[in-house]
Amino acid sequence: IVVHALLDSKSVTGAYRFGIYPGKPTHISVKATLFPRV
């Protein structure tokens, strides 16, 4: 399953994509694209 998330903070924003694979073990593939404000 895929979950996307919008990150926000005083200093930075970001777009996250989590490719989630449950199992033994569970894997999460993460792609983070960051845009610093400062």
Full PDB file with SEQRES, HELIX, SHEET, SSBOND, CRYST1, ORIGX, SCALE, CONECT and MASTER records, all heavy atoms in Angstrom:
SEQRES   1 A   38  ILE VAL VAL HIS ALA LEU LEU ASP SER LYS SER VAL THR          
SEQRES   2 A   38  GLY ALA TYR ARG PHE GLY ILE TYR PRO GLY LYS PRO THR          
SEQRES   3 A   38  HIS ILE SER VAL LYS ALA THR LEU PHE PRO ARG VAL              
SHEET    1 AA1 3 VAL A   2  ASP A   8  0                                        
SHEET    2 AA1 3 VAL A  12  TYR A  21 -1                                        
SHEET    3 AA1 3 HIS A  27  PRO A  36 -1                                        
CRYST1    1.000    1.000    1.000  90.00  90.00  90.00 P 1           1          
ORIGX1      1.000000  0.000000  0.000000        0.00000                         
ORIGX2      0.000000  1.000000  0.000000        0.00000                         
ORIGX3      0.000000  0.000000  1.000000        0.00000                         
SCALE1      1.000000  0.000000  0.000000        0.00000                         
SCALE2      0.000000  1.000000  0.000000        0.00000                         
SCALE3      0.000000  0.000000  1.000000        0.00000                         
ATOM      1  N   ILE A   1       0.854  -1.189   0.000  1.00  0.00           N  
ATOM      2  CA  ILE A   1       0.000   0.000   0.000  1.00  0.00           C  
ATOM      3  C   ILE A   1       0.887   1.234   0.000  1.00  0.00           C  
ATOM      4  O   ILE A   1       2.010   1.205   0.528  1.00  0.00           O  
ATOM      5  CB  ILE A   1      -0.948  -0.007   1.220  1.00  0.00           C  
ATOM      6  CG1 ILE A   1      -1.992   1.119   1.111  1.00  0.00           C  
ATOM      7  CG2 ILE A   1      -0.174   0.075   2.528  1.00  0.00           C  
ATOM      8  CD1 ILE A   1      -3.099   1.009   2.161  1.00  0.00           C  
ATOM      9  N   VAL A   2       0.408   2.316  -0.604  1.00  0.00           N  
ATOM     10  CA  VAL A   2       1.183   3.557  -0.696  1.00  0.00           C  
ATOM     11  C   VAL A   2       0.488   4.655   0.092  1.00  0.00           C  
ATOM     12  O   VAL A   2      -0.726   4.871  -0.039  1.00  0.00           O  
ATOM     13  CB  VAL A   2       1.360   3.989  -2.165  1.00  0.00           C  
ATOM     14  CG1 VAL A   2       1.979   5.379  -2.246  1.00  0.00           C  
ATOM     15  CG2 VAL A   2       2.238   2.992  -2.902  1.00  0.00           C  
ATOM     16  N   VAL A   3       1.268   5.344   0.903  1.00  0.00           N  
ATOM     17  CA  VAL A   3       0.799   6.514   1.652  1.00  0.00           C  
ATOM     18  C   VAL A   3       1.698   7.692   1.290  1.00  0.00           C  
ATOM     19  O   VAL A   3       2.928   7.567   1.302  1.00  0.00           O  
ATOM     20  CB  VAL A   3       0.845   6.273   3.178  1.00  0.00           C  
ATOM     21  CG1 VAL A   3       0.480   7.547   3.937  1.00  0.00           C  
ATOM     22  CG2 VAL A   3      -0.092   5.131   3.566  1.00  0.00           C  
ATOM     23  N   HIS A   4       1.088   8.821   0.949  1.00  0.00           N  
ATOM     24  CA  HIS A   4       1.824  10.058   0.702  1.00  0.00           C  
ATOM     25  C   HIS A   4       1.590  11.004   1.871  1.00  0.00           C  
ATOM     26  O   HIS A   4       0.522  10.969   2.499  1.00  0.00           O  
ATOM     27  CB  HIS A   4       1.348  10.738  -0.584  1.00  0.00           C  
ATOM     28  CG  HIS A   4       1.452   9.880  -1.810  1.00  0.00           C  
ATOM     29  ND1 HIS A   4       2.509   9.954  -2.690  1.00  0.00           N  
ATOM     30  CD2 HIS A   4       0.618   8.923  -2.311  1.00  0.00           C  
ATOM     31  CE1 HIS A   4       2.326   9.088  -3.679  1.00  0.00           C  
ATOM     32  NE2 HIS A   4       1.185   8.460  -3.472  1.00  0.00           N  
ATOM     33  N   ALA A   5       2.572  11.864   2.149  1.00  0.00           N  
ATOM     34  CA  ALA A   5       2.420  12.818   3.251  1.00  0.00           C  
ATOM     35  C   ALA A   5       3.077  14.143   2.893  1.00  0.00           C  
ATOM     36  O   ALA A   5       4.145  14.175   2.269  1.00  0.00           O  
ATOM     37  CB  ALA A   5       3.027  12.259   4.536  1.00  0.00           C  
ATOM     38  N   LEU A   6       2.411  15.225   3.299  1.00  0.00           N  
ATOM     39  CA  LEU A   6       2.941  16.577   3.131  1.00  0.00           C  
ATOM     40  C   LEU A   6       3.507  17.041   4.458  1.00  0.00           C  
ATOM     41  O   LEU A   6       2.786  17.130   5.458  1.00  0.00           O  
ATOM     42  CB  LEU A   6       1.832  17.528   2.666  1.00  0.00           C  
ATOM     43  CG  LEU A   6       2.217  19.007   2.511  1.00  0.00           C  
ATOM     44  CD1 LEU A   6       3.271  19.191   1.427  1.00  0.00           C  
ATOM     45  CD2 LEU A   6       0.975  19.847   2.214  1.00  0.00           C  
ATOM     46  N   LEU A   7       4.818  17.310   4.484  1.00  0.00           N  
ATOM     47  CA  LEU A   7       5.496  17.746   5.706  1.00  0.00           C  
ATOM     48  C   LEU A   7       5.633  19.261   5.712  1.00  0.00           C  
ATOM     49  O   LEU A   7       5.943  19.872   4.687  1.00  0.00           O  
ATOM     50  CB  LEU A   7       6.867  17.083   5.804  1.00  0.00           C  
ATOM     51  CG  LEU A   7       7.725  17.429   7.023  1.00  0.00           C  
ATOM     52  CD1 LEU A   7       8.360  16.172   7.610  1.00  0.00           C  
ATOM     53  CD2 LEU A   7       8.821  18.433   6.657  1.00  0.00           C  
ATOM     54  N   ASP A   8       5.402  19.859   6.881  1.00  0.00           N  
ATOM     55  CA  ASP A   8       5.521  21.309   7.008  1.00  0.00           C  
ATOM     56  C   ASP A   8       6.192  21.654   8.321  1.00  0.00           C  
ATOM     57  O   ASP A   8       6.018  20.963   9.333  1.00  0.00           O  
ATOM     58  CB  ASP A   8       4.139  21.966   6.931  1.00  0.00           C  
ATOM     59  CG  ASP A   8       4.216  23.460   6.631  1.00  0.00           C  
ATOM     60  OD1 ASP A   8       5.310  23.935   6.262  1.00  0.00           O  
ATOM     61  OD2 ASP A   8       3.186  24.149   6.769  1.00  0.00           O  
ATOM     62  N   SER A   9       6.999  22.707   8.295  1.00  0.00           N  
ATOM     63  CA  SER A   9       7.703  23.160   9.481  1.00  0.00           C  
ATOM     64  C   SER A   9       8.169  24.580   9.249  1.00  0.00           C  
ATOM     65  O   SER A   9       8.147  25.087   8.124  1.00  0.00           O  
ATOM     66  CB  SER A   9       8.903  22.241   9.766  1.00  0.00           C  
ATOM     67  OG  SER A   9       9.480  22.528  11.019  1.00  0.00           O  
ATOM     68  N   LYS A  10       8.610  25.224  10.290  1.00  0.00           N  
ATOM     69  CA  LYS A  10       9.082  26.602  10.184  1.00  0.00           C  
ATOM     70  C   LYS A  10      10.234  26.724   9.189  1.00  0.00           C  
ATOM     71  O   LYS A  10      10.322  27.700   8.456  1.00  0.00           O  
ATOM     72  CB  LYS A  10       9.524  27.109  11.556  1.00  0.00           C  
ATOM     73  CG  LYS A  10      10.042  28.535  11.554  1.00  0.00           C  
ATOM     74  CD  LYS A  10      10.474  28.953  12.956  1.00  0.00           C  
ATOM     75  CE  LYS A  10      11.040  30.374  12.951  1.00  0.00           C  
ATOM     76  NZ  LYS A  10      11.491  30.774  14.307  1.00  0.00           N  
ATOM     77  N   SER A  11      11.082  25.715   9.125  1.00  0.00           N  
ATOM     78  CA  SER A  11      12.309  25.810   8.339  1.00  0.00           C  
ATOM     79  C   SER A  11      12.285  25.046   7.027  1.00  0.00           C  
ATOM     80  O   SER A  11      13.156  25.259   6.181  1.00  0.00           O  
ATOM     81  CB  SER A  11      13.499  25.305   9.168  1.00  0.00           C  
ATOM     82  OG  SER A  11      13.640  26.047  10.356  1.00  0.00           O  
ATOM     83  N   VAL A  12      11.310  24.155   6.821  1.00  0.00           N  
ATOM     84  CA  VAL A  12      11.378  23.271   5.668  1.00  0.00           C  
ATOM     85  C   VAL A  12      10.003  22.676   5.364  1.00  0.00           C  
ATOM     86  O   VAL A  12       9.165  22.524   6.257  1.00  0.00           O  
ATOM     87  CB  VAL A  12      12.404  22.135   5.936  1.00  0.00           C  
ATOM     88  CG1 VAL A  12      11.979  21.280   7.117  1.00  0.00           C  
ATOM     89  CG2 VAL A  12      12.655  21.270   4.710  1.00  0.00           C  
ATOM     90  N   THR A  13       9.775  22.351   4.088  1.00  0.00           N  
ATOM     91  CA  THR A  13       8.601  21.569   3.698  1.00  0.00           C  
ATOM     92  C   THR A  13       9.102  20.303   2.998  1.00  0.00           C  
ATOM     93  O   THR A  13      10.269  20.211   2.613  1.00  0.00           O  
ATOM     94  CB  THR A  13       7.670  22.341   2.748  1.00  0.00           C  
ATOM     95  OG1 THR A  13       8.343  22.538   1.489  1.00  0.00           O  
ATOM     96  CG2 THR A  13       7.295  23.696   3.338  1.00  0.00           C  
ATOM     97  N   GLY A  14       8.201  19.338   2.832  1.00  0.00           N  
ATOM     98  CA  GLY A  14       8.630  18.107   2.191  1.00  0.00           C  
ATOM     99  C   GLY A  14       7.469  17.292   1.666  1.00  0.00           C  
ATOM    100  O   GLY A  14       6.347  17.373   2.171  1.00  0.00           O  
ATOM    101  N   ALA A  15       7.751  16.514   0.626  1.00  0.00           N  
ATOM    102  CA  ALA A  15       6.788  15.572   0.067  1.00  0.00           C  
ATOM    103  C   ALA A  15       7.331  14.167   0.287  1.00  0.00           C  
ATOM    104  O   ALA A  15       8.466  13.870  -0.099  1.00  0.00           O  
ATOM    105  CB  ALA A  15       6.585  15.832  -1.423  1.00  0.00           C  
ATOM    106  N   TYR A  16       6.529  13.315   0.903  1.00  0.00           N  
ATOM    107  CA  TYR A  16       6.959  11.962   1.244  1.00  0.00           C  
ATOM    108  C   TYR A  16       6.067  10.937   0.562  1.00  0.00           C  
ATOM    109  O   TYR A  16       4.845  11.092   0.524  1.00  0.00           O  
ATOM    110  CB  TYR A  16       6.913  11.735   2.754  1.00  0.00           C  
ATOM    111  CG  TYR A  16       8.056  12.393   3.498  1.00  0.00           C  
ATOM    112  CD1 TYR A  16       8.104  13.761   3.632  1.00  0.00           C  
ATOM    113  CD2 TYR A  16       9.090  11.637   4.034  1.00  0.00           C  
ATOM    114  CE1 TYR A  16       9.161  14.379   4.292  1.00  0.00           C  
ATOM    115  CE2 TYR A  16      10.145  12.234   4.707  1.00  0.00           C  
ATOM    116  CZ  TYR A  16      10.173  13.606   4.827  1.00  0.00           C  
ATOM    117  OH  TYR A  16      11.217  14.213   5.481  1.00  0.00           O  
ATOM    118  N   ARG A  17       6.714   9.880   0.070  1.00  0.00           N  
ATOM    119  CA  ARG A  17       5.991   8.738  -0.467  1.00  0.00           C  
ATOM    120  C   ARG A  17       6.469   7.498   0.273  1.00  0.00           C  
ATOM    121  O   ARG A  17       7.660   7.201   0.300  1.00  0.00           O  
ATOM    122  CB  ARG A  17       6.232   8.567  -1.956  1.00  0.00           C  
ATOM    123  CG  ARG A  17       5.501   7.359  -2.556  1.00  0.00           C  
ATOM    124  CD  ARG A  17       5.953   7.082  -3.989  1.00  0.00           C  
ATOM    125  NE  ARG A  17       5.200   5.975  -4.583  1.00  0.00           N  
ATOM    126  CZ  ARG A  17       5.485   4.688  -4.432  1.00  0.00           C  
ATOM    127  NH1 ARG A  17       6.532   4.327  -3.680  1.00  0.00           N  
ATOM    128  NH2 ARG A  17       4.752   3.758  -5.016  1.00  0.00           N  
ATOM    129  N   PHE A  18       5.528   6.781   0.895  1.00  0.00           N  
ATOM    130  CA  PHE A  18       5.833   5.567   1.636  1.00  0.00           C  
ATOM    131  C   PHE A  18       5.231   4.371   0.900  1.00  0.00           C  
ATOM    132  O   PHE A  18       4.003   4.252   0.829  1.00  0.00           O  
ATOM    133  CB  PHE A  18       5.257   5.629   3.054  1.00  0.00           C  
ATOM    134  CG  PHE A  18       5.762   6.778   3.885  1.00  0.00           C  
ATOM    135  CD1 PHE A  18       5.053   7.976   3.932  1.00  0.00           C  
ATOM    136  CD2 PHE A  18       6.933   6.676   4.615  1.00  0.00           C  
ATOM    137  CE1 PHE A  18       5.509   9.046   4.693  1.00  0.00           C  
ATOM    138  CE2 PHE A  18       7.395   7.724   5.380  1.00  0.00           C  
ATOM    139  CZ  PHE A  18       6.685   8.920   5.426  1.00  0.00           C  
ATOM    140  N   GLY A  19       6.076   3.515   0.347  1.00  0.00           N  
ATOM    141  CA  GLY A  19       5.625   2.247  -0.208  1.00  0.00           C  
ATOM    142  C   GLY A  19       5.742   1.197   0.881  1.00  0.00           C  
ATOM    143  O   GLY A  19       6.850   0.855   1.304  1.00  0.00           O  
ATOM    144  N   ILE A  20       4.621   0.684   1.376  1.00  0.00           N  
ATOM    145  CA  ILE A  20       4.594  -0.120   2.599  1.00  0.00           C  
ATOM    146  C   ILE A  20       4.287  -1.578   2.272  1.00  0.00           C  
ATOM    147  O   ILE A  20       3.256  -1.889   1.664  1.00  0.00           O  
ATOM    148  CB  ILE A  20       3.562   0.454   3.579  1.00  0.00           C  
ATOM    149  CG1 ILE A  20       3.898   1.919   3.894  1.00  0.00           C  
ATOM    150  CG2 ILE A  20       3.518  -0.367   4.864  1.00  0.00           C  
ATOM    151  CD1 ILE A  20       2.828   2.652   4.674  1.00  0.00           C  
ATOM    152  N   TYR A  21       5.187  -2.473   2.691  1.00  0.00           N  
ATOM    153  CA  TYR A  21       5.087  -3.897   2.403  1.00  0.00           C  
ATOM    154  C   TYR A  21       5.064  -4.676   3.716  1.00  0.00           C  
ATOM    155  O   TYR A  21       6.122  -4.923   4.313  1.00  0.00           O  
ATOM    156  CB  TYR A  21       6.275  -4.357   1.564  1.00  0.00           C  
ATOM    157  CG  TYR A  21       6.458  -3.607   0.264  1.00  0.00           C  
ATOM    158  CD1 TYR A  21       7.113  -2.377   0.235  1.00  0.00           C  
ATOM    159  CD2 TYR A  21       5.985  -4.129  -0.940  1.00  0.00           C  
ATOM    160  CE1 TYR A  21       7.299  -1.679  -0.956  1.00  0.00           C  
ATOM    161  CE2 TYR A  21       6.166  -3.451  -2.134  1.00  0.00           C  
ATOM    162  CZ  TYR A  21       6.816  -2.221  -2.133  1.00  0.00           C  
ATOM    163  OH  TYR A  21       6.987  -1.542  -3.309  1.00  0.00           O  
ATOM    164  N   PRO A  22       3.898  -5.051   4.227  1.00  0.00           N  
ATOM    165  CA  PRO A  22       3.840  -5.796   5.486  1.00  0.00           C  
ATOM    166  C   PRO A  22       4.351  -7.215   5.308  1.00  0.00           C  
ATOM    167  O   PRO A  22       4.239  -7.799   4.237  1.00  0.00           O  
ATOM    168  CB  PRO A  22       2.345  -5.793   5.820  1.00  0.00           C  
ATOM    169  CG  PRO A  22       1.662  -5.673   4.486  1.00  0.00           C  
ATOM    170  CD  PRO A  22       2.561  -4.826   3.644  1.00  0.00           C  
ATOM    171  N   GLY A  23       4.934  -7.749   6.374  1.00  0.00           N  
ATOM    172  CA  GLY A  23       5.388  -9.132   6.270  1.00  0.00           C  
ATOM    173  C   GLY A  23       6.401  -9.498   7.329  1.00  0.00           C  
ATOM    174  O   GLY A  23       6.413  -8.958   8.437  1.00  0.00           O  
ATOM    175  N   LYS A  24       7.267 -10.417   6.984  1.00  0.00           N  
ATOM    176  CA  LYS A  24       8.308 -10.889   7.887  1.00  0.00           C  
ATOM    177  C   LYS A  24       9.635 -10.816   7.155  1.00  0.00           C  
ATOM    178  O   LYS A  24      10.072 -11.781   6.553  1.00  0.00           O  
ATOM    179  CB  LYS A  24       7.999 -12.324   8.326  1.00  0.00           C  
ATOM    180  CG  LYS A  24       8.931 -12.853   9.407  1.00  0.00           C  
ATOM    181  CD  LYS A  24       8.576 -14.276   9.799  1.00  0.00           C  
ATOM    182  CE  LYS A  24       9.485 -14.769  10.909  1.00  0.00           C  
ATOM    183  NZ  LYS A  24       9.183 -16.155  11.319  1.00  0.00           N  
ATOM    184  N   PRO A  25      10.310  -9.638   7.198  1.00  0.00           N  
ATOM    185  CA  PRO A  25       9.917  -8.441   7.936  1.00  0.00           C  
ATOM    186  C   PRO A  25       9.099  -7.464   7.091  1.00  0.00           C  
ATOM    187  O   PRO A  25       8.958  -7.638   5.885  1.00  0.00           O  
ATOM    188  CB  PRO A  25      11.269  -7.817   8.288  1.00  0.00           C  
ATOM    189  CG  PRO A  25      12.124  -8.151   7.103  1.00  0.00           C  
ATOM    190  CD  PRO A  25      11.683  -9.529   6.654  1.00  0.00           C  
ATOM    191  N   THR A  26       8.589  -6.434   7.751  1.00  0.00           N  
ATOM    192  CA  THR A  26       7.908  -5.330   7.075  1.00  0.00           C  
ATOM    193  C   THR A  26       8.947  -4.377   6.492  1.00  0.00           C  
ATOM    194  O   THR A  26       9.944  -4.059   7.141  1.00  0.00           O  
ATOM    195  CB  THR A  26       6.995  -4.580   8.060  1.00  0.00           C  
ATOM    196  OG1 THR A  26       5.904  -5.446   8.419  1.00  0.00           O  
ATOM    197  CG2 THR A  26       6.442  -3.302   7.461  1.00  0.00           C  
ATOM    198  N   HIS A  27       8.697  -3.944   5.250  1.00  0.00           N  
ATOM    199  CA  HIS A  27       9.568  -2.979   4.581  1.00  0.00           C  
ATOM    200  C   HIS A  27       8.772  -1.711   4.282  1.00  0.00           C  
ATOM    201  O   HIS A  27       7.590  -1.780   3.942  1.00  0.00           O  
ATOM    202  CB  HIS A  27      10.102  -3.531   3.263  1.00  0.00           C  
ATOM    203  CG  HIS A  27      10.953  -4.756   3.398  1.00  0.00           C  
ATOM    204  ND1 HIS A  27      12.311  -4.710   3.564  1.00  0.00           N  
ATOM    205  CD2 HIS A  27      10.628  -6.073   3.396  1.00  0.00           C  
ATOM    206  CE1 HIS A  27      12.795  -5.938   3.652  1.00  0.00           C  
ATOM    207  NE2 HIS A  27      11.789  -6.786   3.560  1.00  0.00           N  
ATOM    208  N   ILE A  28       9.440  -0.566   4.380  1.00  0.00           N  
ATOM    209  CA  ILE A  28       8.838   0.699   3.958  1.00  0.00           C  
ATOM    210  C   ILE A  28       9.838   1.416   3.057  1.00  0.00           C  
ATOM    211  O   ILE A  28      10.939   1.772   3.491  1.00  0.00           O  
ATOM    212  CB  ILE A  28       8.462   1.593   5.150  1.00  0.00           C  
ATOM    213  CG1 ILE A  28       7.475   0.876   6.076  1.00  0.00           C  
ATOM    214  CG2 ILE A  28       7.865   2.920   4.649  1.00  0.00           C  
ATOM    215  CD1 ILE A  28       7.044   1.698   7.274  1.00  0.00           C  
ATOM    216  N   SER A  29       9.463   1.594   1.803  1.00  0.00           N  
ATOM    217  CA  SER A  29      10.297   2.321   0.851  1.00  0.00           C  
ATOM    218  C   SER A  29       9.919   3.800   0.912  1.00  0.00           C  
ATOM    219  O   SER A  29       8.756   4.162   0.702  1.00  0.00           O  
ATOM    220  CB  SER A  29      10.075   1.784  -0.557  1.00  0.00           C  
ATOM    221  OG  SER A  29      10.760   2.568  -1.505  1.00  0.00           O  
ATOM    222  N   VAL A  30      10.887   4.645   1.225  1.00  0.00           N  
ATOM    223  CA  VAL A  30      10.621   6.066   1.458  1.00  0.00           C  
ATOM    224  C   VAL A  30      11.308   6.919   0.394  1.00  0.00           C  
ATOM    225  O   VAL A  30      12.485   6.715   0.088  1.00  0.00           O  
ATOM    226  CB  VAL A  30      11.111   6.511   2.855  1.00  0.00           C  
ATOM    227  CG1 VAL A  30      10.753   7.979   3.104  1.00  0.00           C  
ATOM    228  CG2 VAL A  30      10.529   5.610   3.938  1.00  0.00           C  
ATOM    229  N   LYS A  31      10.549   7.837  -0.157  1.00  0.00           N  
ATOM    230  CA  LYS A  31      11.118   8.883  -1.005  1.00  0.00           C  
ATOM    231  C   LYS A  31      10.738  10.223  -0.399  1.00  0.00           C  
ATOM    232  O   LYS A  31       9.542  10.545  -0.277  1.00  0.00           O  
ATOM    233  CB  LYS A  31      10.588   8.780  -2.433  1.00  0.00           C  
ATOM    234  CG  LYS A  31      11.122   9.884  -3.348  1.00  0.00           C  
ATOM    235  CD  LYS A  31      10.518   9.808  -4.753  1.00  0.00           C  
ATOM    236  CE  LYS A  31      11.011  10.948  -5.635  1.00  0.00           C  
ATOM    237  NZ  LYS A  31      10.379  10.917  -6.982  1.00  0.00           N  
ATOM    238  N   ALA A  32      11.742  11.002   0.004  1.00  0.00           N  
ATOM    239  CA  ALA A  32      11.511  12.303   0.631  1.00  0.00           C  
ATOM    240  C   ALA A  32      12.097  13.397  -0.256  1.00  0.00           C  
ATOM    241  O   ALA A  32      13.293  13.373  -0.569  1.00  0.00           O  
ATOM    242  CB  ALA A  32      12.150  12.351   2.014  1.00  0.00           C  
ATOM    243  N   THR A  33      11.246  14.343  -0.653  1.00  0.00           N  
ATOM    244  CA  THR A  33      11.694  15.498  -1.434  1.00  0.00           C  
ATOM    245  C   THR A  33      11.527  16.736  -0.552  1.00  0.00           C  
ATOM    246  O   THR A  33      10.409  17.068  -0.149  1.00  0.00           O  
ATOM    247  CB  THR A  33      10.880  15.648  -2.722  1.00  0.00           C  
ATOM    248  OG1 THR A  33      10.922  14.413  -3.459  1.00  0.00           O  
ATOM    249  CG2 THR A  33      11.435  16.765  -3.592  1.00  0.00           C  
ATOM    250  N   LEU A  34      12.646  17.402  -0.247  1.00  0.00           N  
ATOM    251  CA  LEU A  34      12.658  18.472   0.751  1.00  0.00           C  
ATOM    252  C   LEU A  34      12.911  19.833   0.112  1.00  0.00           C  
ATOM    253  O   LEU A  34      13.722  19.960  -0.819  1.00  0.00           O  
ATOM    254  CB  LEU A  34      13.725  18.192   1.806  1.00  0.00           C  
ATOM    255  CG  LEU A  34      13.610  16.838   2.531  1.00  0.00           C  
ATOM    256  CD1 LEU A  34      14.815  16.612   3.428  1.00  0.00           C  
ATOM    257  CD2 LEU A  34      12.315  16.778   3.322  1.00  0.00           C  
ATOM    258  N   PHE A  35      12.230  20.855   0.654  1.00  0.00           N  
ATOM    259  CA  PHE A  35      12.366  22.236   0.178  1.00  0.00           C  
ATOM    260  C   PHE A  35      12.613  23.143   1.383  1.00  0.00           C  
ATOM    261  O   PHE A  35      11.669  23.577   2.055  1.00  0.00           O  
ATOM    262  CB  PHE A  35      11.093  22.677  -0.561  1.00  0.00           C  
ATOM    263  CG  PHE A  35      10.751  21.835  -1.759  1.00  0.00           C  
ATOM    264  CD1 PHE A  35       9.904  20.740  -1.645  1.00  0.00           C  
ATOM    265  CD2 PHE A  35      11.287  22.127  -3.009  1.00  0.00           C  
ATOM    266  CE1 PHE A  35       9.587  19.957  -2.741  1.00  0.00           C  
ATOM    267  CE2 PHE A  35      10.968  21.345  -4.124  1.00  0.00           C  
ATOM    268  CZ  PHE A  35      10.118  20.256  -3.984  1.00  0.00           C  
ATOM    269  N   PRO A  36      13.874  23.446   1.694  1.00  0.00           N  
ATOM    270  CA  PRO A  36      14.169  24.292   2.862  1.00  0.00           C  
ATOM    271  C   PRO A  36      13.685  25.732   2.668  1.00  0.00           C  
ATOM    272  O   PRO A  36      13.861  26.319   1.595  1.00  0.00           O  
ATOM    273  CB  PRO A  36      15.697  24.242   2.961  1.00  0.00           C  
ATOM    274  CG  PRO A  36      16.103  23.038   2.170  1.00  0.00           C  
ATOM    275  CD  PRO A  36      15.095  22.909   1.079  1.00  0.00           C  
ATOM    276  N   ARG A  37      13.087  26.280   3.715  1.00  0.00           N  
ATOM    277  CA  ARG A  37      12.716  27.689   3.724  1.00  0.00           C  
ATOM    278  C   ARG A  37      13.909  28.554   4.118  1.00  0.00           C  
ATOM    279  O   ARG A  37      13.966  29.741   3.782  1.00  0.00           O  
ATOM    280  CB  ARG A  37      11.571  27.930   4.705  1.00  0.00           C  
ATOM    281  CG  ARG A  37      10.200  27.452   4.252  1.00  0.00           C  
ATOM    282  CD  ARG A  37       9.144  27.893   5.243  1.00  0.00           C  
ATOM    283  NE  ARG A  37       7.794  27.741   4.727  1.00  0.00           N  
ATOM    284  CZ  ARG A  37       6.946  26.794   5.113  1.00  0.00           C  
ATOM    285  NH1 ARG A  37       7.336  25.887   6.008  1.00  0.00           N  
ATOM    286  NH2 ARG A  37       5.732  26.737   4.600  1.00  0.00           N  
ATOM    287  N   VAL A  38      14.818  27.956   4.882  1.00  0.00           N  
ATOM    288  CA  VAL A  38      16.035  28.631   5.347  1.00  0.00           C  
ATOM    289  C   VAL A  38      17.192  27.643   5.203  1.00  0.00           C  
ATOM    290  O   VAL A  38      16.984  26.449   4.972  1.00  0.00           O  
ATOM    291  CB  VAL A  38      15.910  29.083   6.820  1.00  0.00           C  
ATOM    292  CG1 VAL A  38      14.766  30.081   6.989  1.00  0.00           C  
ATOM    293  CG2 VAL A  38      15.695  27.884   7.744  1.00  0.00           C  
TER     294      VAL A  38                                                      
MASTER        0    0    0    0    3    0    0    6  293    1    0    3          
END                                                                             
